[in-house]
PDB file of N, CA and C in Angstrom:
ATOM      1  N   UNK A   1      -1.612  17.769   9.687  1.00  0.00           N
ATOM      2  CA  UNK A   1      -1.707  16.506  10.395  1.00  0.00           C
ATOM      3  C   UNK A   1      -0.940  15.405   9.660  1.00  0.00           C
ATOM      4  N   UNK A   2      -0.949  15.470   8.308  1.00  0.00           N
ATOM      5  CA  UNK A   2      -0.249  14.472   7.505  1.00  0.00           C
ATOM      6  C   UNK A   2       1.257  14.490   7.783  1.00  0.00           C
ATOM      7  N   UNK A   3       1.822  15.681   7.886  1.00  0.00           N
ATOM      8  CA  UNK A   3       3.258  15.787   8.126  1.00  0.00           C
ATOM      9  C   UNK A   3       3.617  15.226   9.492  1.00  0.00           C
ATOM     10  N   UNK A   4       2.806  15.520  10.475  1.00  0.00           N
ATOM     11  CA  UNK A   4       3.069  15.012  11.823  1.00  0.00           C
ATOM     12  C   UNK A   4       2.973  13.488  11.833  1.00  0.00           C
ATOM     13  N   UNK A   5       1.952  12.960  11.184  1.00  0.00           N
ATOM     14  CA  UNK A   5       1.787  11.508  11.106  1.00  0.00           C
ATOM     15  C   UNK A   5       2.993  10.864  10.429  1.00  0.00           C
ATOM     16  N   UNK A   6       3.457  11.474   9.349  1.00  0.00           N
ATOM     17  CA  UNK A   6       4.623  10.959   8.633  1.00  0.00           C
ATOM     18  C   UNK A   6       5.871  10.961   9.490  1.00  0.00           C
ATOM     19  N   UNK A   7       6.046  12.037  10.256  1.00  0.00           N
ATOM     20  CA  UNK A   7       7.212  12.122  11.144  1.00  0.00           C
ATOM     21  C   UNK A   7       7.126  11.066  12.250  1.00  0.00           C
ATOM     22  N   UNK A   8       5.945  10.875  12.792  1.00  0.00           N
ATOM     23  CA  UNK A   8       5.772   9.857  13.829  1.00  0.00           C
ATOM     24  C   UNK A   8       6.076   8.472  13.278  1.00  0.00           C
ATOM     25  N   UNK A   9       5.608   8.214  12.069  1.00  0.00           N
ATOM     26  CA  UNK A   9       5.861   6.924  11.433  1.00  0.00           C
ATOM     27  C   UNK A   9       7.357   6.709  11.210  1.00  0.00           C
ATOM     28  N   UNK A  10       8.044   7.739  10.730  1.00  0.00           N
ATOM     29  CA  UNK A  10       9.484   7.636  10.501  1.00  0.00           C
ATOM     30  C   UNK A  10      10.242   7.374  11.802  1.00  0.00           C
ATOM     31  N   UNK A  11       9.701   7.858  12.911  1.00  0.00           N
ATOM     32  CA  UNK A  11      10.337   7.660  14.226  1.00  0.00           C
ATOM     33  C   UNK A  11       9.902   6.362  14.886  1.00  0.00           C
ATOM     34  N   UNK A  12       9.108   5.561  14.184  1.00  0.00           N
ATOM     35  CA  UNK A  12       8.680   4.280  14.738  1.00  0.00           C
ATOM     36  C   UNK A  12       7.525   4.380  15.721  1.00  0.00           C
ATOM     37  N   UNK A  13       6.890   5.529  15.785  1.00  0.00           N
ATOM     38  CA  UNK A  13       5.751   5.721  16.684  1.00  0.00           C
ATOM     39  C   UNK A  13       4.460   5.418  15.917  1.00  0.00           C
ATOM     40  N   UNK A  14       4.294   4.129  15.578  1.00  0.00           N
ATOM     41  CA  UNK A  14       3.222   3.721  14.688  1.00  0.00           C
ATOM     42  C   UNK A  14       1.836   3.879  15.303  1.00  0.00           C
ATOM     43  N   UNK A  15       1.674   3.571  16.574  1.00  0.00           N
ATOM     44  CA  UNK A  15       0.356   3.696  17.200  1.00  0.00           C
ATOM     45  C   UNK A  15      -0.160   5.129  17.118  1.00  0.00           C
ATOM     46  N   UNK A  16       0.690   6.091  17.411  1.00  0.00           N
ATOM     47  CA  UNK A  16       0.285   7.490  17.373  1.00  0.00           C
ATOM     48  C   UNK A  16       0.061   7.951  15.932  1.00  0.00           C
ATOM     49  N   UNK A  17       0.921   7.509  15.018  1.00  0.00           N
ATOM     50  CA  UNK A  17       0.745   7.862  13.607  1.00  0.00           C
ATOM     51  C   UNK A  17      -0.571   7.291  13.085  1.00  0.00           C
ATOM     52  N   UNK A  18      -0.866   6.060  13.448  1.00  0.00           N
ATOM     53  CA  UNK A  18      -2.122   5.424  13.035  1.00  0.00           C
ATOM     54  C   UNK A  18      -3.306   6.223  13.561  1.00  0.00           C
ATOM     55  N   UNK A  19      -3.246   6.618  14.804  1.00  0.00           N
ATOM     56  CA  UNK A  19      -4.338   7.389  15.409  1.00  0.00           C
ATOM     57  C   UNK A  19      -4.579   8.680  14.629  1.00  0.00           C
ATOM     58  N   UNK A  20      -3.503   9.372  14.271  1.00  0.00           N
ATOM     59  CA  UNK A  20      -3.651  10.629  13.536  1.00  0.00           C
ATOM     60  C   UNK A  20      -4.132  10.410  12.098  1.00  0.00           C
ATOM     61  N   UNK A  21      -3.616   9.383  11.429  1.00  0.00           N
ATOM     62  CA  UNK A  21      -4.084   9.096  10.070  1.00  0.00           C
ATOM     63  C   UNK A  21      -5.574   8.750  10.088  1.00  0.00           C
ATOM     64  N   UNK A  22      -5.994   7.933  11.061  1.00  0.00           N
ATOM     65  CA  UNK A  22      -7.404   7.570  11.155  1.00  0.00           C
ATOM     66  C   UNK A  22      -8.267   8.803  11.425  1.00  0.00           C
ATOM     67  N   UNK A  23      -7.787   9.679  12.279  1.00  0.00           N
ATOM     68  CA  UNK A  23      -8.512  10.917  12.572  1.00  0.00           C
ATOM     69  C   UNK A  23      -8.629  11.765  11.306  1.00  0.00           C
ATOM     70  N   UNK A  24      -7.561  11.838  10.549  1.00  0.00           N
ATOM     71  CA  UNK A  24      -7.547  12.604   9.307  1.00  0.00           C
ATOM     72  C   UNK A  24      -8.576  12.051   8.317  1.00  0.00           C
ATOM     73  N   UNK A  25      -8.687  10.725   8.241  1.00  0.00           N
ATOM     74  CA  UNK A  25      -9.635  10.108   7.309  1.00  0.00           C
ATOM     75  C   UNK A  25     -11.087  10.388   7.694  1.00  0.00           C
ATOM     76  N   UNK A  26     -11.345  10.675   8.960  1.00  0.00           N
ATOM     77  CA  UNK A  26     -12.705  11.013   9.376  1.00  0.00           C
ATOM     78  C   UNK A  26     -13.146  12.345   8.779  1.00  0.00           C
ATOM     79  N   UNK A  27     -12.185  13.222   8.533  1.00  0.00           N
ATOM     80  CA  UNK A  27     -12.493  14.536   7.996  1.00  0.00           C
ATOM     81  C   UNK A  27     -12.414  14.598   6.481  1.00  0.00           C
ATOM     82  N   UNK A  28     -11.478  13.833   5.920  1.00  0.00           N
ATOM     83  CA  UNK A  28     -11.307  13.865   4.469  1.00  0.00           C
ATOM     84  C   UNK A  28     -10.733  12.532   3.991  1.00  0.00           C
ATOM     85  N   UNK A  29     -11.459  11.892   3.113  1.00  0.00           N
ATOM     86  CA  UNK A  29     -11.003  10.639   2.540  1.00  0.00           C
ATOM     87  C   UNK A  29      -9.906  10.936   1.528  1.00  0.00           C
ATOM     88  N   UNK A  30      -8.765  10.261   1.655  1.00  0.00           N
ATOM     89  CA  UNK A  30      -7.623  10.549   0.802  1.00  0.00           C
ATOM     90  C   UNK A  30      -6.883   9.268   0.413  1.00  0.00           C
ATOM     91  N   UNK A  31      -6.630   9.138  -0.869  1.00  0.00           N
ATOM     92  CA  UNK A  31      -5.853   8.018  -1.400  1.00  0.00           C
ATOM     93  C   UNK A  31      -4.502   7.915  -0.682  1.00  0.00           C
ATOM     94  N   UNK A  32      -3.810   9.046  -0.584  1.00  0.00           N
ATOM     95  CA  UNK A  32      -2.470   9.056   0.015  1.00  0.00           C
ATOM     96  C   UNK A  32      -2.500   8.701   1.502  1.00  0.00           C
ATOM     97  N   UNK A  33      -3.516   9.146   2.191  1.00  0.00           N
ATOM     98  CA  UNK A  33      -3.631   8.818   3.613  1.00  0.00           C
ATOM     99  C   UNK A  33      -3.849   7.319   3.792  1.00  0.00           C
ATOM    100  N   UNK A  34      -4.689   6.730   2.938  1.00  0.00           N
ATOM    101  CA  UNK A  34      -4.892   5.283   3.021  1.00  0.00           C
ATOM    102  C   UNK A  34      -3.587   4.523   2.751  1.00  0.00           C
ATOM    103  N   UNK A  35      -2.808   4.982   1.791  1.00  0.00           N
ATOM    104  CA  UNK A  35      -1.525   4.327   1.493  1.00  0.00           C
ATOM    105  C   UNK A  35      -0.606   4.396   2.716  1.00  0.00           C
ATOM    106  N   UNK A  36      -0.449   5.583   3.276  1.00  0.00           N
ATOM    107  CA  UNK A  36       0.454   5.763   4.416  1.00  0.00           C
ATOM    108  C   UNK A  36      -0.053   5.062   5.672  1.00  0.00           C
ATOM    109  N   UNK A  37      -1.355   5.111   5.902  1.00  0.00           N
ATOM    110  CA  UNK A  37      -1.925   4.401   7.049  1.00  0.00           C
ATOM    111  C   UNK A  37      -1.672   2.905   6.908  1.00  0.00           C
ATOM    112  N   UNK A  38      -1.831   2.394   5.700  1.00  0.00           N
ATOM    113  CA  UNK A  38      -1.549   0.970   5.457  1.00  0.00           C
ATOM    114  C   UNK A  38      -0.103   0.621   5.760  1.00  0.00           C
ATOM    115  N   UNK A  39       0.811   1.501   5.376  1.00  0.00           N
ATOM    116  CA  UNK A  39       2.228   1.250   5.668  1.00  0.00           C
ATOM    117  C   UNK A  39       2.474   1.225   7.172  1.00  0.00           C
ATOM    118  N   UNK A  40       1.838   2.138   7.897  1.00  0.00           N
ATOM    119  CA  UNK A  40       1.982   2.152   9.365  1.00  0.00           C
ATOM    120  C   UNK A  40       1.428   0.870   9.968  1.00  0.00           C
ATOM    121  N   UNK A  41       0.252   0.471   9.496  1.00  0.00           N
ATOM    122  CA  UNK A  41      -0.333  -0.783   9.998  1.00  0.00           C
ATOM    123  C   UNK A  41       0.616  -1.953   9.753  1.00  0.00           C
ATOM    124  N   UNK A  42       1.183  -2.019   8.552  1.00  0.00           N
ATOM    125  CA  UNK A  42       2.090  -3.122   8.233  1.00  0.00           C
ATOM    126  C   UNK A  42       3.305  -3.108   9.162  1.00  0.00           C
ATOM    127  N   UNK A  43       3.902  -1.951   9.335  1.00  0.00           N
ATOM    128  CA  UNK A  43       5.073  -1.837  10.202  1.00  0.00           C
ATOM    129  C   UNK A  43       4.737  -2.126  11.661  1.00  0.00           C
ATOM    130  N   UNK A  44       3.476  -1.960  12.007  1.00  0.00           N
ATOM    131  CA  UNK A  44       3.008  -2.225  13.368  1.00  0.00           C
ATOM    132  C   UNK A  44       2.532  -3.672  13.515  1.00  0.00           C
ATOM    133  N   UNK A  45       2.663  -4.466  12.446  1.00  0.00           N
ATOM    134  CA  UNK A  45       2.285  -5.877  12.503  1.00  0.00           C
ATOM    135  C   UNK A  45       0.804  -6.128  12.310  1.00  0.00           C
ATOM    136  N   UNK A  46       0.071  -5.127  11.834  1.00  0.00           N
ATOM    137  CA  UNK A  46      -1.366  -5.262  11.627  1.00  0.00           C
ATOM    138  C   UNK A  46      -1.647  -5.430  10.134  1.00  0.00           C
ATOM    139  N   UNK A  47      -1.283  -6.603   9.623  1.00  0.00           N
ATOM    140  CA  UNK A  47      -1.329  -6.836   8.181  1.00  0.00           C
ATOM    141  C   UNK A  47      -2.734  -6.768   7.592  1.00  0.00           C
ATOM    142  N   UNK A  48      -3.732  -7.284   8.291  1.00  0.00           N
ATOM    143  CA  UNK A  48      -5.098  -7.244   7.758  1.00  0.00           C
ATOM    144  C   UNK A  48      -5.583  -5.804   7.606  1.00  0.00           C
ATOM    145  N   UNK A  49      -5.268  -4.968   8.580  1.00  0.00           N
ATOM    146  CA  UNK A  49      -5.640  -3.553   8.486  1.00  0.00           C
ATOM    147  C   UNK A  49      -4.907  -2.867   7.335  1.00  0.00           C
ATOM    148  N   UNK A  50      -3.641  -3.243   7.137  1.00  0.00           N
ATOM    149  CA  UNK A  50      -2.871  -2.684   6.024  1.00  0.00           C
ATOM    150  C   UNK A  50      -3.531  -3.035   4.693  1.00  0.00           C
ATOM    151  N   UNK A  51      -3.906  -4.297   4.544  1.00  0.00           N
ATOM    152  CA  UNK A  51      -4.555  -4.725   3.304  1.00  0.00           C
ATOM    153  C   UNK A  51      -5.858  -3.971   3.070  1.00  0.00           C
ATOM    154  N   UNK A  52      -6.632  -3.769   4.119  1.00  0.00           N
ATOM    155  CA  UNK A  52      -7.895  -3.039   3.988  1.00  0.00           C
ATOM    156  C   UNK A  52      -7.656  -1.600   3.513  1.00  0.00           C
ATOM    157  N   UNK A  53      -6.630  -0.963   4.047  1.00  0.00           N
ATOM    158  CA  UNK A  53      -6.313   0.405   3.620  1.00  0.00           C
ATOM    159  C   UNK A  53      -5.916   0.444   2.156  1.00  0.00           C
ATOM    160  N   UNK A  54      -5.057  -0.470   1.750  1.00  0.00           N
ATOM    161  CA  UNK A  54      -4.591  -0.480   0.367  1.00  0.00           C
ATOM    162  C   UNK A  54      -5.707  -0.845  -0.602  1.00  0.00           C
ATOM    163  N   UNK A  55      -6.620  -1.717  -0.169  1.00  0.00           N
ATOM    164  CA  UNK A  55      -7.771  -2.036  -1.017  1.00  0.00           C
ATOM    165  C   UNK A  55      -8.649  -0.795  -1.177  1.00  0.00           C
ATOM    166  N   UNK A  56      -8.863  -0.074  -0.092  1.00  0.00           N
ATOM    167  CA  UNK A  56      -9.656   1.162  -0.164  1.00  0.00           C
ATOM    168  C   UNK A  56      -9.000   2.150  -1.129  1.00  0.00           C
ATOM    169  N   UNK A  57      -7.687   2.286  -1.051  1.00  0.00           N
ATOM    170  CA  UNK A  57      -6.964   3.198  -1.948  1.00  0.00           C
ATOM    171  C   UNK A  57      -7.106   2.759  -3.401  1.00  0.00           C
ATOM    172  N   UNK A  58      -7.063   1.449  -3.638  1.00  0.00           N
ATOM    173  CA  UNK A  58      -7.169   0.963  -5.019  1.00  0.00           C
ATOM    174  C   UNK A  58      -8.559   1.208  -5.592  1.00  0.00           C
ATOM    175  N   UNK A  59      -9.584   1.217  -4.744  1.00  0.00           N
ATOM    176  CA  UNK A  59     -10.934   1.529  -5.216  1.00  0.00           C
ATOM    177  C   UNK A  59     -11.092   3.026  -5.484  1.00  0.00           C
ATOM    178  N   UNK A  60     -10.372   3.841  -4.718  1.00  0.00           N
ATOM    179  CA  UNK A  60     -10.475   5.292  -4.890  1.00  0.00           C
ATOM    180  C   UNK A  60      -9.908   5.748  -6.231  1.00  0.00           C
ATOM    181  N   UNK A  61      -8.750   5.199  -6.597  1.00  0.00           N
ATOM    182  CA  UNK A  61      -8.111   5.534  -7.876  1.00  0.00           C
ATOM    183  C   UNK A  61      -7.676   4.212  -8.528  1.00  0.00           C
ATOM    184  N   UNK A  62      -8.600   3.567  -9.248  1.00  0.00           N
ATOM    185  CA  UNK A  62      -8.333   2.223  -9.790  1.00  0.00           C
ATOM    186  C   UNK A  62      -7.146   2.139 -10.748  1.00  0.00           C
ATOM    187  N   UNK A  63      -6.763   3.242 -11.363  1.00  0.00           N
ATOM    188  CA  UNK A  63      -5.668   3.191 -12.336  1.00  0.00           C
ATOM    189  C   UNK A  63      -4.296   3.103 -11.670  1.00  0.00           C
ATOM    190  N   UNK A  64      -4.211   3.315 -10.379  1.00  0.00           N
ATOM    191  CA  UNK A  64      -2.923   3.308  -9.685  1.00  0.00           C
ATOM    192  C   UNK A  64      -2.417   1.882  -9.455  1.00  0.00           C
ATOM    193  N   UNK A  65      -1.123   1.720  -9.517  1.00  0.00           N
ATOM    194  CA  UNK A  65      -0.474   0.429  -9.326  1.00  0.00           C
ATOM    195  C   UNK A  65      -0.061   0.199  -7.873  1.00  0.00           C
ATOM    196  N   UNK A  66       0.268   1.254  -7.146  1.00  0.00           N
ATOM    197  CA  UNK A  66       0.874   1.129  -5.824  1.00  0.00           C
ATOM    198  C   UNK A  66       0.059   0.307  -4.819  1.00  0.00           C
ATOM    199  N   UNK A  67      -1.248   0.521  -4.661  1.00  0.00           N
ATOM    200  CA  UNK A  67      -1.964  -0.259  -3.644  1.00  0.00           C
ATOM    201  C   UNK A  67      -1.924  -1.764  -3.910  1.00  0.00           C
ATOM    202  N   UNK A  68      -2.090  -2.148  -5.163  1.00  0.00           N
ATOM    203  CA  UNK A  68      -2.071  -3.579  -5.491  1.00  0.00           C
ATOM    204  C   UNK A  68      -0.661  -4.132  -5.313  1.00  0.00           C
ATOM    205  N   UNK A  69       0.327  -3.344  -5.679  1.00  0.00           N
ATOM    206  CA  UNK A  69       1.725  -3.740  -5.491  1.00  0.00           C
ATOM    207  C   UNK A  69       2.025  -3.978  -4.009  1.00  0.00           C
ATOM    208  N   UNK A  70       1.592  -3.063  -3.153  1.00  0.00           N
ATOM    209  CA  UNK A  70       1.839  -3.215  -1.716  1.00  0.00           C
ATOM    210  C   UNK A  70       1.135  -4.450  -1.151  1.00  0.00           C
ATOM    211  N   UNK A  71      -0.086  -4.700  -1.596  1.00  0.00           N
ATOM    212  CA  UNK A  71      -0.801  -5.907  -1.166  1.00  0.00           C
ATOM    213  C   UNK A  71      -0.057  -7.165  -1.628  1.00  0.00           C
ATOM    214  N   UNK A  72       0.406  -7.149  -2.873  1.00  0.00           N
ATOM    215  CA  UNK A  72       1.144  -8.295  -3.417  1.00  0.00           C
ATOM    216  C   UNK A  72       2.399  -8.561  -2.595  1.00  0.00           C
ATOM    217  N   UNK A  73       3.152  -7.500  -2.290  1.00  0.00           N
ATOM    218  CA  UNK A  73       4.365  -7.668  -1.481  1.00  0.00           C
ATOM    219  C   UNK A  73       4.040  -8.245  -0.108  1.00  0.00           C
ATOM    220  N   UNK A  74       2.970  -7.768   0.490  1.00  0.00           N
ATOM    221  CA  UNK A  74       2.587  -8.267   1.816  1.00  0.00           C
ATOM    222  C   UNK A  74       2.247  -9.751   1.748  1.00  0.00           C
ATOM    223  N   UNK A  75       1.483 -10.140   0.733  1.00  0.00           N
ATOM    224  CA  UNK A  75       1.152 -11.562   0.571  1.00  0.00           C
ATOM    225  C   UNK A  75       2.412 -12.398   0.335  1.00  0.00           C
ATOM    226  N   UNK A  76       3.328 -11.905  -0.491  1.00  0.00           N
ATOM    227  CA  UNK A  76       4.566 -12.644  -0.742  1.00  0.00           C
ATOM    228  C   UNK A  76       5.406 -12.773   0.528  1.00  0.00           C
ATOM    229  N   UNK A  77       5.482 -11.691   1.288  1.00  0.00           N
ATOM    230  CA  UNK A  77       6.257 -11.730   2.533  1.00  0.00           C
ATOM    231  C   UNK A  77       5.648 -12.673   3.568  1.00  0.00           C
ATOM    232  N   UNK A  78       4.344 -12.903   3.453  1.00  0.00           N
ATOM    233  CA  UNK A  78       3.656 -13.819   4.374  1.00  0.00           C
ATOM    234  C   UNK A  78       3.481 -15.208   3.765  1.00  0.00           C
ATOM    235  N   UNK A  79       4.178 -15.462   2.650  1.00  0.00           N
ATOM    236  CA  UNK A  79       4.148 -16.754   1.961  1.00  0.00           C
ATOM    237  C   UNK A  79       2.751 -17.186   1.534  1.00  0.00           C
ATOM    238  N   UNK A  80       1.903 -16.236   1.182  1.00  0.00           N
ATOM    239  CA  UNK A  80       0.586 -16.543   0.644  1.00  0.00           C
ATOM    240  C   UNK A  80       0.677 -16.418  -0.875  1.00  0.00           C
ATOM    241  N   UNK A  81       1.277 -17.429  -1.478  1.00  0.00           N
ATOM    242  CA  UNK A  81       1.571 -17.408  -2.912  1.00  0.00           C
ATOM    243  C   UNK A  81       0.315 -17.326  -3.774  1.00  0.00           C
ATOM    244  N   UNK A  82      -0.755 -17.970  -3.348  1.00  0.00           N
ATOM    245  CA  UNK A  82      -1.983 -17.992  -4.130  1.00  0.00           C
ATOM    246  C   UNK A  82      -2.535 -16.579  -4.322  1.00  0.00           C
ATOM    247  N   UNK A  83      -2.687 -15.833  -3.248  1.00  0.00           N
ATOM    248  CA  UNK A  83      -3.209 -14.470  -3.335  1.00  0.00           C
ATOM    249  C   UNK A  83      -2.218 -13.554  -4.048  1.00  0.00           C
ATOM    250  N   UNK A  84      -0.934 -13.756  -3.786  1.00  0.00           N
ATOM    251  CA  UNK A  84       0.089 -12.931  -4.435  1.00  0.00           C
ATOM    252  C   UNK A  84       0.063 -13.121  -5.950  1.00  0.00           C
ATOM    253  N   UNK A  85      -0.063 -14.361  -6.393  1.00  0.00           N
ATOM    254  CA  UNK A  85      -0.063 -14.630  -7.836  1.00  0.00           C
ATOM    255  C   UNK A  85      -1.271 -14.010  -8.522  1.00  0.00           C
ATOM    256  N   UNK A  86      -2.433 -14.020  -7.858  1.00  0.00           N
ATOM    257  CA  UNK A  86      -3.627 -13.393  -8.438  1.00  0.00           C
ATOM    258  C   UNK A  86      -3.410 -11.892  -8.629  1.00  0.00           C
ATOM    259  N   UNK A  87      -2.832 -11.249  -7.622  1.00  0.00           N
ATOM    260  CA  UNK A  87      -2.593  -9.809  -7.721  1.00  0.00           C
ATOM    261  C   UNK A  87      -1.485  -9.485  -8.727  1.00  0.00           C
ATOM    262  N   UNK A  88      -0.453 -10.330  -8.791  1.00  0.00           N
ATOM    263  CA  UNK A  88       0.607 -10.119  -9.783  1.00  0.00           C
ATOM    264  C   UNK A  88       0.024 -10.158 -11.194  1.00  0.00           C
ATOM    265  N   UNK A  89      -0.866 -11.089 -11.417  1.00  0.00           N
ATOM    266  CA  UNK A  89      -1.498 -11.210 -12.740  1.00  0.00           C
ATOM    267  C   UNK A  89      -2.271  -9.932 -13.075  1.00  0.00           C
ATOM    268  N   UNK A  90      -2.982  -9.391 -12.096  1.00  0.00           N
ATOM    269  CA  UNK A  90      -3.718  -8.139 -12.302  1.00  0.00           C
ATOM    270  C   UNK A  90      -2.743  -7.019 -12.651  1.00  0.00           C
ATOM    271  N   UNK A  91      -1.651  -6.927 -11.904  1.00  0.00           N
ATOM    272  CA  UNK A  91      -0.677  -5.859 -12.149  1.00  0.00           C
ATOM    273  C   UNK A  91      -0.045  -5.959 -13.527  1.00  0.00           C
ATOM    274  N   UNK A  92       0.318  -7.166 -13.940  1.00  0.00           N
ATOM    275  CA  UNK A  92       1.004  -7.324 -15.220  1.00  0.00           C
ATOM    276  C   UNK A  92       0.086  -7.086 -16.417  1.00  0.00           C
ATOM    277  N   UNK A  93      -1.229  -7.171 -16.196  1.00  0.00           N
ATOM    278  CA  UNK A  93      -2.181  -6.923 -17.286  1.00  0.00           C
ATOM    279  C   UNK A  93      -2.868  -5.568 -17.169  1.00  0.00           C
ATOM    280  N   UNK A  94      -2.533  -4.825 -16.155  1.00  0.00           N
ATOM    281  CA  UNK A  94      -3.153  -3.527 -15.912  1.00  0.00           C
ATOM    282  C   UNK A  94      -2.688  -2.522 -16.963  1.00  0.00           C
ATOM    283  N   UNK A  95      -3.628  -1.769 -17.484  1.00  0.00           N
ATOM    284  CA  UNK A  95      -3.314  -0.761 -18.488  1.00  0.00           C
ATOM    285  C   UNK A  95      -2.740   0.475 -17.797  1.00  0.00           C
ATOM    286  N   UNK A  96      -1.672   1.001 -18.356  1.00  0.00           N
ATOM    287  CA  UNK A  96      -1.025   2.197 -17.808  1.00  0.00           C
ATOM    288  C   UNK A  96      -1.625   3.455 -18.415  1.00  0.00           C
ATOM    289  N   UNK A  97      -1.907   4.414 -17.542  1.00  0.00           N
ATOM    290  CA  UNK A  97      -2.334   5.725 -18.021  1.00  0.00           C
ATOM    291  C   UNK A  97      -1.114   6.580 -18.342  1.00  0.00           C
ATOM    292  N   UNK A  98      -0.046   6.367 -17.575  1.00  0.00           N
ATOM    293  CA  UNK A  98       1.190   7.129 -17.731  1.00  0.00           C
ATOM    294  C   UNK A  98       2.350   6.141 -17.689  1.00  0.00           C
ATOM    295  N   UNK A  99       3.304   6.322 -18.590  1.00  0.00           N
ATOM    296  CA  UNK A  99       4.489   5.468 -18.580  1.00  0.00           C
ATOM    297  C   UNK A  99       5.469   6.034 -17.554  1.00  0.00           C
ATOM    298  N   UNK A 100       5.581   5.356 -16.408  1.00  0.00           N
ATOM    299  CA  UNK A 100       6.411   5.864 -15.318  1.00  0.00           C
ATOM    300  C   UNK A 100       7.468   4.836 -14.924  1.00  0.00           C
ATOM    301  N   UNK A 101       8.688   5.282 -14.690  1.00  0.00           N
ATOM    302  CA  UNK A 101       9.759   4.375 -14.277  1.00  0.00           C
ATOM    303  C   UNK A 101       9.431   3.639 -12.971  1.00  0.00           C
ATOM    304  N   UNK A 102       8.664   4.271 -12.105  1.00  0.00           N
ATOM    305  CA  UNK A 102       8.304   3.630 -10.831  1.00  0.00           C
ATOM    306  C   UNK A 102       7.465   2.365 -11.077  1.00  0.00           C
ATOM    307  N   UNK A 103       6.592   2.422 -12.061  1.00  0.00           N
ATOM    308  CA  UNK A 103       5.790   1.240 -12.398  1.00  0.00           C
ATOM    309  C   UNK A 103       6.701   0.149 -12.946  1.00  0.00           C
ATOM    310  N   UNK A 104       7.651   0.526 -13.800  1.00  0.00           N
ATOM    311  CA  UNK A 104       8.612  -0.448 -14.325  1.00  0.00           C
ATOM    312  C   UNK A 104       9.373  -1.118 -13.187  1.00  0.00           C
ATOM    313  N   UNK A 105       9.805  -0.333 -12.195  1.00  0.00           N
ATOM    314  CA  UNK A 105      10.544  -0.871 -11.057  1.00  0.00           C
ATOM    315  C   UNK A 105       9.692  -1.860 -10.264  1.00  0.00           C
ATOM    316  N   UNK A 106       8.439  -1.508 -10.028  1.00  0.00           N
ATOM    317  CA  UNK A 106       7.541  -2.405  -9.286  1.00  0.00           C
ATOM    318  C   UNK A 106       7.352  -3.727 -10.011  1.00  0.00           C
ATOM    319  N   UNK A 107       7.061  -3.634 -11.314  1.00  0.00           N
ATOM    320  CA  UNK A 107       6.801  -4.849 -12.085  1.00  0.00           C
ATOM    321  C   UNK A 107       8.058  -5.703 -12.211  1.00  0.00           C
ATOM    322  N   UNK A 108       9.205  -5.076 -12.391  1.00  0.00           N
ATOM    323  CA  UNK A 108      10.452  -5.820 -12.474  1.00  0.00           C
ATOM    324  C   UNK A 108      10.748  -6.520 -11.153  1.00  0.00           C
ATOM    325  N   UNK A 109      10.517  -5.825 -10.068  1.00  0.00           N
ATOM    326  CA  UNK A 109      10.757  -6.430  -8.738  1.00  0.00           C
ATOM    327  C   UNK A 109       9.864  -7.653  -8.538  1.00  0.00           C
ATOM    328  N   UNK A 110       8.591  -7.547  -8.916  1.00  0.00           N
ATOM    329  CA  UNK A 110       7.687  -8.683  -8.784  1.00  0.00           C
ATOM    330  C   UNK A 110       8.034  -9.807  -9.737  1.00  0.00           C
ATOM    331  N   UNK A 111       8.477  -9.451 -10.943  1.00  0.00           N
ATOM    332  CA  UNK A 111       8.793 -10.453 -11.962  1.00  0.00           C
ATOM    333  C   UNK A 111      10.055 -11.235 -11.610  1.00  0.00           C
ATOM    334  N   UNK A 112      11.025 -10.558 -11.011  1.00  0.00           N
ATOM    335  CA  UNK A 112      12.291 -11.227 -10.691  1.00  0.00           C
ATOM    336  C   UNK A 112      12.312 -11.785  -9.277  1.00  0.00           C
ATOM    337  N   UNK A 113      11.255 -11.550  -8.518  1.00  0.00           N
ATOM    338  CA  UNK A 113      11.191 -12.075  -7.160  1.00  0.00           C
ATOM    339  C   UNK A 113      12.113 -11.328  -6.213  1.00  0.00           C
ATOM    340  N   UNK A 114      12.459 -10.089  -6.529  1.00  0.00           N
ATOM    341  CA  UNK A 114      13.387  -9.325  -5.703  1.00  0.00           C
ATOM    342  C   UNK A 114      12.730  -8.664  -4.524  1.00  0.00           C
ATOM    343  N   UNK A 115      11.882  -9.384  -3.839  1.00  0.00           N
ATOM    344  CA  UNK A 115      11.180  -8.817  -2.686  1.00  0.00           C
ATOM    345  C   UNK A 115      11.806  -9.323  -1.411  1.00  0.00           C
TER     346      UNK A 115
END
């Protein structure tokens, strides 16, 4: 079901992808599904739902940077500087479990405003 949802999302069929991701979450709660569902919601213009998905993902695996990063980007894109700055502060002080280039890229993008 995940592969089909991903293909639908890539084809811009967000409503159907959202339906399948939500159905998948009823059977098995998954960090990755919440991340992808949030991306579909965002692309479909449902920003509040996207934030809820990413927050759920961040609670599932608190050590991960991606959910907070995605929320920060969404706030910055919507010119909500106050919320974005709070999340940026969390990200820049977050302890890394693994030194990964992807985390460096995220933090550099937020630090230089390259969003």
